[in-house]
C-alpha atoms as a PDB file:
ATOM      1  CA  MET A   1       6.533  82.463  71.097  1.00  0.00           C
ATOM      2  CA  SER A   2       8.303  85.371  72.747  1.00  0.00           C
ATOM      3  CA  ASN A   3      10.185  88.087  70.904  1.00  0.00           C
ATOM      4  CA  ILE A   4      13.535  86.697  72.067  1.00  0.00           C
ATOM      5  CA  GLN A   5      12.676  83.209  70.795  1.00  0.00           C
ATOM      6  CA  ARG A   6      11.670  84.602  67.400  1.00  0.00           C
ATOM      7  CA  ARG A   7      14.939  86.521  67.141  1.00  0.00           C
ATOM      8  CA  LEU A   8      16.943  83.430  68.078  1.00  0.00           C
ATOM      9  CA  ARG A   9      15.026  81.377  65.533  1.00  0.00           C
ATOM     10  CA  LYS A  10      15.697  83.940  62.774  1.00  0.00           C
ATOM     11  CA  GLU A  11      19.367  83.994  63.708  1.00  0.00           C
ATOM     12  CA  LYS A  12      19.542  80.186  63.549  1.00  0.00           C
ATOM     13  CA  ILE A  13      17.862  80.141  60.128  1.00  0.00           C
ATOM     14  CA  ALA A  14      20.209  82.835  58.842  1.00  0.00           C
ATOM     15  CA  LYS A  15      23.199  80.888  60.131  1.00  0.00           C
ATOM     16  CA  ILE A  16      22.028  77.710  58.366  1.00  0.00           C
ATOM     17  CA  VAL A  17      21.469  79.612  55.103  1.00  0.00           C
ATOM     18  CA  MET A  18      24.945  81.134  55.282  1.00  0.00           C
ATOM     19  CA  GLN A  19      26.516  77.751  56.006  1.00  0.00           C
ATOM     20  CA  LEU A  20      24.699  76.152  53.069  1.00  0.00           C
ATOM     21  CA  SER A  21      25.747  79.014  50.805  1.00  0.00           C
ATOM     22  CA  GLY A  22      29.357  78.650  51.868  1.00  0.00           C
ATOM     23  CA  ILE A  23      29.293  74.891  51.342  1.00  0.00           C
ATOM     24  CA  SER A  24      27.712  75.213  47.878  1.00  0.00           C
ATOM     25  CA  ILE A  25      30.194  77.860  46.732  1.00  0.00           C
ATOM     26  CA  THR A  26      33.178  75.957  48.106  1.00  0.00           C
ATOM     27  CA  GLY A  27      31.870  72.727  46.604  1.00  0.00           C
ATOM     28  CA  SER A  28      31.429  74.371  43.205  1.00  0.00           C
ATOM     29  CA  LEU A  29      34.984  75.670  43.351  1.00  0.00           C
ATOM     30  CA  PHE A  30      36.412  72.251  44.167  1.00  0.00           C
ATOM     31  CA  LEU A  31      34.234  70.697  41.466  1.00  0.00           C
ATOM     32  CA  ILE A  32      35.590  73.074  38.829  1.00  0.00           C
ATOM     33  CA  ILE A  33      39.211  72.659  39.904  1.00  0.00           C
ATOM     34  CA  GLY A  34      38.794  68.896  40.258  1.00  0.00           C
ATOM     35  CA  THR A  35      37.313  68.604  36.769  1.00  0.00           C
ATOM     36  CA  ILE A  36      40.163  70.621  35.248  1.00  0.00           C
ATOM     37  CA  LEU A  37      42.772  68.560  37.087  1.00  0.00           C
ATOM     38  CA  TYR A  38      41.126  65.233  36.230  1.00  0.00           C
ATOM     39  CA  LYS A  39      40.670  65.978  32.539  1.00  0.00           C
ATOM     40  CA  GLY A  40      43.643  68.234  31.889  1.00  0.00           C
ATOM     41  CA  LEU A  41      46.526  66.905  33.992  1.00  0.00           C
ATOM     42  CA  PRO A  42      47.083  63.752  31.856  1.00  0.00           C
ATOM     43  CA  TYR A  43      47.583  65.961  28.778  1.00  0.00           C
ATOM     44  CA  LEU A  44      49.803  68.561  30.444  1.00  0.00           C
ATOM     45  CA  SER A  45      53.479  68.249  29.564  1.00  0.00           C
ATOM     46  CA  TRP A  46      56.567  70.369  29.133  1.00  0.00           C
ATOM     47  CA  GLU A  47      56.315  70.000  25.372  1.00  0.00           C
ATOM     48  CA  MET A  48      52.809  71.422  25.440  1.00  0.00           C
ATOM     49  CA  ILE A  49      53.758  74.632  27.264  1.00  0.00           C
ATOM     50  CA  SER A  50      57.120  75.108  25.517  1.00  0.00           C
ATOM     51  CA  GLN A  51      56.147  74.595  21.857  1.00  0.00           C
ATOM     52  CA  THR A  52      53.976  76.376  19.336  1.00  0.00           C
ATOM     53  CA  PRO A  53      51.245  74.477  17.455  1.00  0.00           C
ATOM     54  CA  LYS A  54      52.586  72.312  14.674  1.00  0.00           C
ATOM     55  CA  GLY A  55      50.721  71.155  11.577  1.00  0.00           C
ATOM     56  CA  GLY A  56      47.615  69.296  12.636  1.00  0.00           C
ATOM     57  CA  PHE A  57      47.748  70.376  16.287  1.00  0.00           C
ATOM     58  CA  TYR A  58      43.997  70.934  16.320  1.00  0.00           C
ATOM     59  CA  ILE A  59      43.321  67.431  15.048  1.00  0.00           C
ATOM     60  CA  GLY A  60      45.424  65.737  17.736  1.00  0.00           C
ATOM     61  CA  LYS A  61      48.976  65.966  16.388  1.00  0.00           C
ATOM     62  CA  GLU A  62      52.095  67.440  18.010  1.00  0.00           C
ATOM     63  CA  GLY A  63      52.609  70.986  19.190  1.00  0.00           C
ATOM     64  CA  GLY A  64      51.816  73.182  22.163  1.00  0.00           C
ATOM     65  CA  ILE A  65      50.223  76.401  23.392  1.00  0.00           C
ATOM     66  CA  LEU A  66      53.294  78.597  23.894  1.00  0.00           C
ATOM     67  CA  ASN A  67      51.876  81.109  21.417  1.00  0.00           C
ATOM     68  CA  ALA A  68      48.691  81.437  23.483  1.00  0.00           C
ATOM     69  CA  ILE A  69      50.579  81.740  26.783  1.00  0.00           C
ATOM     70  CA  LEU A  70      52.849  84.507  25.493  1.00  0.00           C
ATOM     71  CA  GLY A  71      49.958  86.186  23.683  1.00  0.00           C
ATOM     72  CA  SER A  72      47.905  86.302  26.887  1.00  0.00           C
ATOM     73  CA  ILE A  73      50.834  87.667  28.897  1.00  0.00           C
ATOM     74  CA  TYR A  74      51.633  90.341  26.309  1.00  0.00           C
ATOM     75  CA  LEU A  75      47.991  91.347  25.973  1.00  0.00           C
ATOM     76  CA  ALA A  76      47.313  91.484  29.719  1.00  0.00           C
ATOM     77  CA  THR A  77      50.588  93.291  30.514  1.00  0.00           C
ATOM     78  CA  LEU A  78      50.207  96.021  27.890  1.00  0.00           C
ATOM     79  CA  SER A  79      46.522  96.636  28.554  1.00  0.00           C
ATOM     80  CA  THR A  80      46.994  96.667  32.351  1.00  0.00           C
ATOM     81  CA  LEU A  81      49.894  99.113  31.994  1.00  0.00           C
ATOM     82  CA  LEU A  82      47.788 101.466  29.871  1.00  0.00           C
ATOM     83  CA  ALA A  83      44.760 101.106  32.165  1.00  0.00           C
ATOM     84  CA  THR A  84      46.940 101.941  35.170  1.00  0.00           C
ATOM     85  CA  LEU A  85      48.479 104.996  33.505  1.00  0.00           C
ATOM     86  CA  ILE A  86      45.003 106.243  32.597  1.00  0.00           C
ATOM     87  CA  GLY A  87      43.025 105.068  35.620  1.00  0.00           C
ATOM     88  CA  ILE A  88      45.200 106.340  38.493  1.00  0.00           C
ATOM     89  CA  PRO A  89      45.152 110.000  37.322  1.00  0.00           C
ATOM     90  CA  ILE A  90      41.369 109.793  36.899  1.00  0.00           C
ATOM     91  CA  ALA A  91      40.915 108.457  40.445  1.00  0.00           C
ATOM     92  CA  ILE A  92      43.278 111.093  41.864  1.00  0.00           C
ATOM     93  CA  TYR A  93      41.451 113.854  40.001  1.00  0.00           C
ATOM     94  CA  LEU A  94      38.059 112.740  41.337  1.00  0.00           C
ATOM     95  CA  ASP A  95      39.304 112.482  44.946  1.00  0.00           C
ATOM     96  CA  VAL A  96      41.814 115.324  45.230  1.00  0.00           C
ATOM     97  CA  TYR A  97      41.146 117.942  42.574  1.00  0.00           C
ATOM     98  CA  VAL A  98      37.361 117.638  42.723  1.00  0.00           C
ATOM     99  CA  LYS A  99      35.249 117.631  45.864  1.00  0.00           C
ATOM    100  CA  SER A 100      34.504 113.965  46.507  1.00  0.00           C
ATOM    101  CA  LYS A 101      30.852 114.681  47.388  1.00  0.00           C
ATOM    102  CA  SER A 102      30.203 117.024  44.474  1.00  0.00           C
ATOM    103  CA  PHE A 103      27.583 116.198  41.860  1.00  0.00           C
ATOM    104  CA  PHE A 104      30.231 115.841  39.151  1.00  0.00           C
ATOM    105  CA  ALA A 105      32.338 113.398  41.198  1.00  0.00           C
ATOM    106  CA  ARG A 106      29.317 111.289  42.162  1.00  0.00           C
ATOM    107  CA  CYS A 107      28.141 111.127  38.536  1.00  0.00           C
ATOM    108  CA  CYS A 108      31.603 110.085  37.343  1.00  0.00           C
ATOM    109  CA  LYS A 109      31.887 107.361  39.968  1.00  0.00           C
ATOM    110  CA  LEU A 110      28.403 106.105  39.108  1.00  0.00           C
ATOM    111  CA  LEU A 111      29.440 106.009  35.456  1.00  0.00           C
ATOM    112  CA  PHE A 112      32.513 103.936  36.269  1.00  0.00           C
ATOM    113  CA  ASP A 113      30.366 101.589  38.372  1.00  0.00           C
ATOM    114  CA  VAL A 114      28.164 101.052  35.308  1.00  0.00           C
ATOM    115  CA  LEU A 115      31.205 100.544  33.073  1.00  0.00           C
ATOM    116  CA  PHE A 116      32.571  98.060  35.615  1.00  0.00           C
ATOM    117  CA  GLY A 117      29.521  95.838  35.147  1.00  0.00           C
ATOM    118  CA  ILE A 118      29.177  96.000  31.364  1.00  0.00           C
ATOM    119  CA  PRO A 119      29.874  92.599  29.697  1.00  0.00           C
ATOM    120  CA  SER A 120      33.218  92.362  27.950  1.00  0.00           C
ATOM    121  CA  ILE A 121      31.598  91.509  24.604  1.00  0.00           C
ATOM    122  CA  VAL A 122      30.210  95.066  24.554  1.00  0.00           C
ATOM    123  CA  TYR A 123      33.734  96.433  24.945  1.00  0.00           C
ATOM    124  CA  GLY A 124      34.784  94.122  22.130  1.00  0.00           C
ATOM    125  CA  ALA A 125      32.079  95.549  19.849  1.00  0.00           C
ATOM    126  CA  ILE A 126      33.041  99.135  20.728  1.00  0.00           C
ATOM    127  CA  ALA A 127      36.744  98.432  20.212  1.00  0.00           C
ATOM    128  CA  PHE A 128      35.950  96.716  16.906  1.00  0.00           C
ATOM    129  CA  SER A 129      34.146  99.866  15.744  1.00  0.00           C
ATOM    130  CA  ILE A 130      37.162 101.961  16.759  1.00  0.00           C
ATOM    131  CA  MET A 131      39.456  99.581  14.872  1.00  0.00           C
ATOM    132  CA  VAL A 132      37.337  99.829  11.727  1.00  0.00           C
ATOM    133  CA  TRP A 133      37.376 103.631  11.982  1.00  0.00           C
ATOM    134  CA  LEU A 134      41.162 103.710  12.429  1.00  0.00           C
ATOM    135  CA  GLY A 135      41.784 101.028   9.828  1.00  0.00           C
ATOM    136  CA  ILE A 136      43.269  98.545  12.315  1.00  0.00           C
ATOM    137  CA  ARG A 137      42.877  94.841  11.582  1.00  0.00           C
ATOM    138  CA  ALA A 138      42.376  92.102  14.167  1.00  0.00           C
ATOM    139  CA  SER A 139      45.669  92.062  16.043  1.00  0.00           C
ATOM    140  CA  LEU A 140      47.422  92.350  19.392  1.00  0.00           C
ATOM    141  CA  LEU A 141      46.862  96.118  19.220  1.00  0.00           C
ATOM    142  CA  GLY A 142      43.125  95.588  18.801  1.00  0.00           C
ATOM    143  CA  GLY A 143      43.081  93.314  21.830  1.00  0.00           C
ATOM    144  CA  VAL A 144      45.049  95.871  23.855  1.00  0.00           C
ATOM    145  CA  ILE A 145      42.507  98.564  22.993  1.00  0.00           C
ATOM    146  CA  THR A 146      39.641  96.297  24.059  1.00  0.00           C
ATOM    147  CA  ILE A 147      41.126  95.113  27.340  1.00  0.00           C
ATOM    148  CA  THR A 148      42.352  98.599  28.236  1.00  0.00           C
ATOM    149  CA  LEU A 149      38.787  99.884  27.951  1.00  0.00           C
ATOM    150  CA  LEU A 150      37.640  96.903  30.024  1.00  0.00           C
ATOM    151  CA  THR A 151      40.146  97.332  32.855  1.00  0.00           C
ATOM    152  CA  ILE A 152      40.151 101.136  33.261  1.00  0.00           C
ATOM    153  CA  PRO A 153      36.952 101.059  35.403  1.00  0.00           C
ATOM    154  CA  ILE A 154      38.506  98.331  37.567  1.00  0.00           C
ATOM    155  CA  VAL A 155      41.569 100.458  38.283  1.00  0.00           C
ATOM    156  CA  VAL A 156      39.596 103.655  38.846  1.00  0.00           C
ATOM    157  CA  ARG A 157      37.056 102.176  41.260  1.00  0.00           C
ATOM    158  CA  THR A 158      39.658 100.150  43.171  1.00  0.00           C
ATOM    159  CA  ILE A 159      41.919 103.187  43.640  1.00  0.00           C
ATOM    160  CA  ASP A 160      38.886 105.267  44.607  1.00  0.00           C
ATOM    161  CA  GLU A 161      37.928 102.786  47.327  1.00  0.00           C
ATOM    162  CA  LEU A 162      41.521 102.781  48.573  1.00  0.00           C
ATOM    163  CA  LEU A 163      41.555 106.576  48.775  1.00  0.00           C
ATOM    164  CA  LYS A 164      38.386 106.441  50.884  1.00  0.00           C
ATOM    165  CA  THR A 165      40.295 104.470  53.529  1.00  0.00           C
ATOM    166  CA  ILE A 166      42.664 107.401  54.090  1.00  0.00           C
ATOM    167  CA  PRO A 167      41.638 109.432  57.171  1.00  0.00           C
ATOM    168  CA  VAL A 168      40.111 112.797  56.275  1.00  0.00           C
ATOM    169  CA  ASP A 169      42.264 114.449  58.962  1.00  0.00           C
ATOM    170  CA  LEU A 170      45.382 113.347  57.102  1.00  0.00           C
ATOM    171  CA  LYS A 171      44.240 115.176  53.976  1.00  0.00           C
ATOM    172  CA  ASN A 172      43.305 118.273  55.978  1.00  0.00           C
ATOM    173  CA  VAL A 173      46.649 118.342  57.783  1.00  0.00           C
ATOM    174  CA  THR A 174      48.461 118.003  54.474  1.00  0.00           C
ATOM    175  CA  PHE A 175      46.554 120.905  52.931  1.00  0.00           C
ATOM    176  CA  SER A 176      47.052 123.030  56.074  1.00  0.00           C
ATOM    177  CA  MET A 177      50.817 122.724  55.632  1.00  0.00           C
ATOM    178  CA  GLY A 178      50.573 124.639  52.375  1.00  0.00           C
ATOM    179  CA  THR A 179      51.125 121.725  50.025  1.00  0.00           C
ATOM    180  CA  THR A 180      49.777 121.786  46.500  1.00  0.00           C
ATOM    181  CA  ARG A 181      47.158 119.328  45.329  1.00  0.00           C
ATOM    182  CA  TRP A 182      49.777 117.447  43.318  1.00  0.00           C
ATOM    183  CA  GLU A 183      52.033 117.094  46.378  1.00  0.00           C
ATOM    184  CA  THR A 184      49.035 115.873  48.368  1.00  0.00           C
ATOM    185  CA  ALA A 185      48.209 113.376  45.624  1.00  0.00           C
ATOM    186  CA  ARG A 186      51.771 112.017  45.712  1.00  0.00           C
ATOM    187  CA  MET A 187      51.544 111.588  49.476  1.00  0.00           C
ATOM    188  CA  LEU A 188      48.220 109.751  49.178  1.00  0.00           C
ATOM    189  CA  LEU A 189      49.616 107.434  46.501  1.00  0.00           C
ATOM    190  CA  LYS A 190      52.513 106.502  48.794  1.00  0.00           C
ATOM    191  CA  TYR A 191      50.022 105.778  51.575  1.00  0.00           C
ATOM    192  CA  ILE A 192      48.047 103.311  49.434  1.00  0.00           C
ATOM    193  CA  LYS A 193      51.020 101.934  47.497  1.00  0.00           C
ATOM    194  CA  PRO A 194      50.394  98.240  48.389  1.00  0.00           C
ATOM    195  CA  GLY A 195      46.747  98.675  47.424  1.00  0.00           C
ATOM    196  CA  ILE A 196      47.720 100.087  44.033  1.00  0.00           C
ATOM    197  CA  PHE A 197      49.595  96.890  43.246  1.00  0.00           C
ATOM    198  CA  THR A 198      46.488  94.975  44.295  1.00  0.00           C
ATOM    199  CA  ALA A 199      44.406  96.997  41.827  1.00  0.00           C
ATOM    200  CA  ILE A 200      46.955  96.297  39.090  1.00  0.00           C
ATOM    201  CA  LEU A 201      46.867  92.560  39.794  1.00  0.00           C
ATOM    202  CA  LEU A 202      43.061  92.541  39.771  1.00  0.00           C
ATOM    203  CA  ALA A 203      43.063  94.268  36.395  1.00  0.00           C
ATOM    204  CA  PHE A 204      45.720  91.862  35.110  1.00  0.00           C
ATOM    205  CA  GLY A 205      43.690  88.860  36.238  1.00  0.00           C
ATOM    206  CA  ARG A 206      40.579  90.173  34.480  1.00  0.00           C
ATOM    207  CA  ALA A 207      42.599  90.945  31.351  1.00  0.00           C
ATOM    208  CA  ILE A 208      44.299  87.571  31.019  1.00  0.00           C
ATOM    209  CA  GLY A 209      41.093  85.604  31.526  1.00  0.00           C
ATOM    210  CA  ASP A 210      38.777  87.473  29.182  1.00  0.00           C
ATOM    211  CA  VAL A 211      37.592  85.778  25.999  1.00  0.00           C
ATOM    212  CA  ALA A 212      34.452  87.546  24.780  1.00  0.00           C
ATOM    213  CA  GLY A 213      36.132  90.923  24.427  1.00  0.00           C
ATOM    214  CA  VAL A 214      39.089  89.683  22.395  1.00  0.00           C
ATOM    215  CA  LEU A 215      37.077  87.297  20.229  1.00  0.00           C
ATOM    216  CA  LEU A 216      36.378  90.089  17.733  1.00  0.00           C
ATOM    217  CA  THR A 217      39.608  92.057  18.005  1.00  0.00           C
ATOM    218  CA  THR A 218      42.756  89.929  18.408  1.00  0.00           C
ATOM    219  CA  GLY A 219      42.249  87.290  15.745  1.00  0.00           C
ATOM    220  CA  PHE A 220      44.197  84.074  16.227  1.00  0.00           C
ATOM    221  CA  SER A 221      47.614  82.857  15.131  1.00  0.00           C
ATOM    222  CA  ASP A 222      49.775  79.788  15.686  1.00  0.00           C
ATOM    223  CA  ASN A 223      52.905  81.965  15.571  1.00  0.00           C
ATOM    224  CA  LEU A 224      54.586  83.679  18.488  1.00  0.00           C
ATOM    225  CA  PRO A 225      53.455  87.308  18.862  1.00  0.00           C
ATOM    226  CA  LYS A 226      56.151  89.690  17.599  1.00  0.00           C
ATOM    227  CA  TYR A 227      54.437  92.900  16.494  1.00  0.00           C
ATOM    228  CA  LEU A 228      51.374  94.842  17.599  1.00  0.00           C
ATOM    229  CA  ASP A 229      49.739  94.647  14.174  1.00  0.00           C
ATOM    230  CA  GLU A 230      49.799  90.835  14.006  1.00  0.00           C
ATOM    231  CA  PRO A 231      46.946  88.487  15.022  1.00  0.00           C
ATOM    232  CA  THR A 232      47.625  86.953  18.427  1.00  0.00           C
ATOM    233  CA  ALA A 233      46.437  83.830  20.195  1.00  0.00           C
ATOM    234  CA  THR A 234      45.335  83.941  23.832  1.00  0.00           C
ATOM    235  CA  LEU A 235      44.748  81.149  26.330  1.00  0.00           C
ATOM    236  CA  PRO A 236      40.960  81.686  26.616  1.00  0.00           C
ATOM    237  CA  LEU A 237      40.607  81.615  22.821  1.00  0.00           C
ATOM    238  CA  ALA A 238      42.869  78.548  22.589  1.00  0.00           C
ATOM    239  CA  ILE A 239      40.652  76.780  25.131  1.00  0.00           C
ATOM    240  CA  PHE A 240      37.526  77.786  23.202  1.00  0.00           C
ATOM    241  CA  PHE A 241      38.820  76.551  19.854  1.00  0.00           C
ATOM    242  CA  GLN A 242      40.188  73.288  21.286  1.00  0.00           C
ATOM    243  CA  LEU A 243      36.946  72.471  23.086  1.00  0.00           C
ATOM    244  CA  SER A 244      35.119  72.988  19.782  1.00  0.00           C
ATOM    245  CA  SER A 245      37.098  70.124  18.249  1.00  0.00           C
ATOM    246  CA  PRO A 246      35.482  66.661  18.075  1.00  0.00           C
ATOM    247  CA  VAL A 247      38.884  65.000  18.707  1.00  0.00           C
ATOM    248  CA  PRO A 248      39.188  63.761  22.331  1.00  0.00           C
ATOM    249  CA  GLU A 249      42.946  64.452  22.351  1.00  0.00           C
ATOM    250  CA  VAL A 250      42.357  68.107  21.477  1.00  0.00           C
ATOM    251  CA  GLN A 251      39.597  68.434  24.071  1.00  0.00           C
ATOM    252  CA  GLY A 252      41.994  67.062  26.707  1.00  0.00           C
ATOM    253  CA  ARG A 253      44.526  69.686  25.689  1.00  0.00           C
ATOM    254  CA  ALA A 254      41.823  72.306  26.180  1.00  0.00           C
ATOM    255  CA  TYR A 255      41.485  71.270  29.823  1.00  0.00           C
ATOM    256  CA  ALA A 256      45.282  71.306  30.128  1.00  0.00           C
ATOM    257  CA  SER A 257      45.272  74.860  28.767  1.00  0.00           C
ATOM    258  CA  ALA A 258      42.589  75.731  31.298  1.00  0.00           C
ATOM    259  CA  LEU A 259      44.821  74.279  33.988  1.00  0.00           C
ATOM    260  CA  VAL A 260      47.673  76.577  32.914  1.00  0.00           C
ATOM    261  CA  LEU A 261      45.349  79.593  32.949  1.00  0.00           C
ATOM    262  CA  THR A 262      43.984  78.597  36.352  1.00  0.00           C
ATOM    263  CA  PHE A 263      47.517  78.363  37.739  1.00  0.00           C
ATOM    264  CA  ILE A 264      48.303  81.870  36.482  1.00  0.00           C
ATOM    265  CA  ILE A 265      45.115  83.227  38.076  1.00  0.00           C
ATOM    266  CA  LEU A 266      45.953  81.387  41.314  1.00  0.00           C
ATOM    267  CA  VAL A 267      49.358  83.082  41.447  1.00  0.00           C
ATOM    268  CA  ILE A 268      47.688  86.458  40.887  1.00  0.00           C
ATOM    269  CA  VAL A 269      45.147  85.809  43.673  1.00  0.00           C
ATOM    270  CA  ILE A 270      47.888  84.811  46.121  1.00  0.00           C
ATOM    271  CA  CYS A 271      49.898  87.934  45.301  1.00  0.00           C
ATOM    272  CA  THR A 272      46.746  90.042  45.723  1.00  0.00           C
ATOM    273  CA  HIS A 273      46.090  88.619  49.201  1.00  0.00           C
ATOM    274  CA  ILE A 274      49.705  89.223  50.231  1.00  0.00           C
ATOM    275  CA  LEU A 275      49.575  92.845  49.090  1.00  0.00           C
ATOM    276  CA  ALA A 276      46.151  93.350  50.715  1.00  0.00           C
ATOM    277  CA  SER A 277      47.535  92.110  54.038  1.00  0.00           C
ATOM    278  CA  LYS A 278      50.432  94.549  53.705  1.00  0.00           C
ATOM    279  CA  GLN A 279      47.939  97.346  53.044  1.00  0.00           C
ATOM    280  CA  LYS A 280      46.079  96.496  56.282  1.00  0.00           C
ATOM    281  CA  LYS A 281      49.329  96.475  58.288  1.00  0.00           C
ATOM    282  CA  HIS A 282      50.274  99.795  56.709  1.00  0.00           C
ATOM    283  CA  LYS A 283      46.966 101.297  57.795  1.00  0.00           C
ATOM    284  CA  ILE A 284      47.426 100.034  61.351  1.00  0.00           C
END
């Protein structure tokens, strides 16, 4: 067998492996969505998403998951806002105020890569320790602390990757015009503005879908969230508790809750793709 034939054979094998991988991943996705639709759609109703749990909701009686929907939105919005306010300045500092190839910058970025991959339950344990130290009980505030810690690395690394797409000549020209580092940072933020919204949506999607991190810190309540120091329900926790019930009606509602959460994530993904396409056009 000649060298060319061996290369063609390897290419054919690689192509088959990639096709099989794509089919398996796509099939798994459709299987998950199909299962949620099949088991959850019959139990999904306007009453379910517009009412709070009534007495006996978790044994199959009337009520809904409005408390969990609002709790998830409040938790994800507040934590994403805090993570953005903290994460963007960190990314700007590492790329503008510090030499990007310096030892300090590389160590910081490596640290955020490690933090990015740490399981959310670890953040929950750390946040729980902070809550005990500060005297904070399980509440919306505790969940915000947890998810903020979880999403800061997402914002920092996403913004950092966006800043790498900016031509080096653009930075040099900006500095040569006598601008300060802060003025340069503002110009760079305007350049990657669509990408910043993408980073925010990615953090929001991670925040609203997390369950392990908030299991120890938010508590759970059938009431609508009103104050930061009150226990708050979230959609992932509502799904977890409903699936734990032996009542088929409640288990069906769990899949309906999963369907609501999936729809929210789908909207976030669509918005992310739209903003990413705008970022590419902006670069062109």
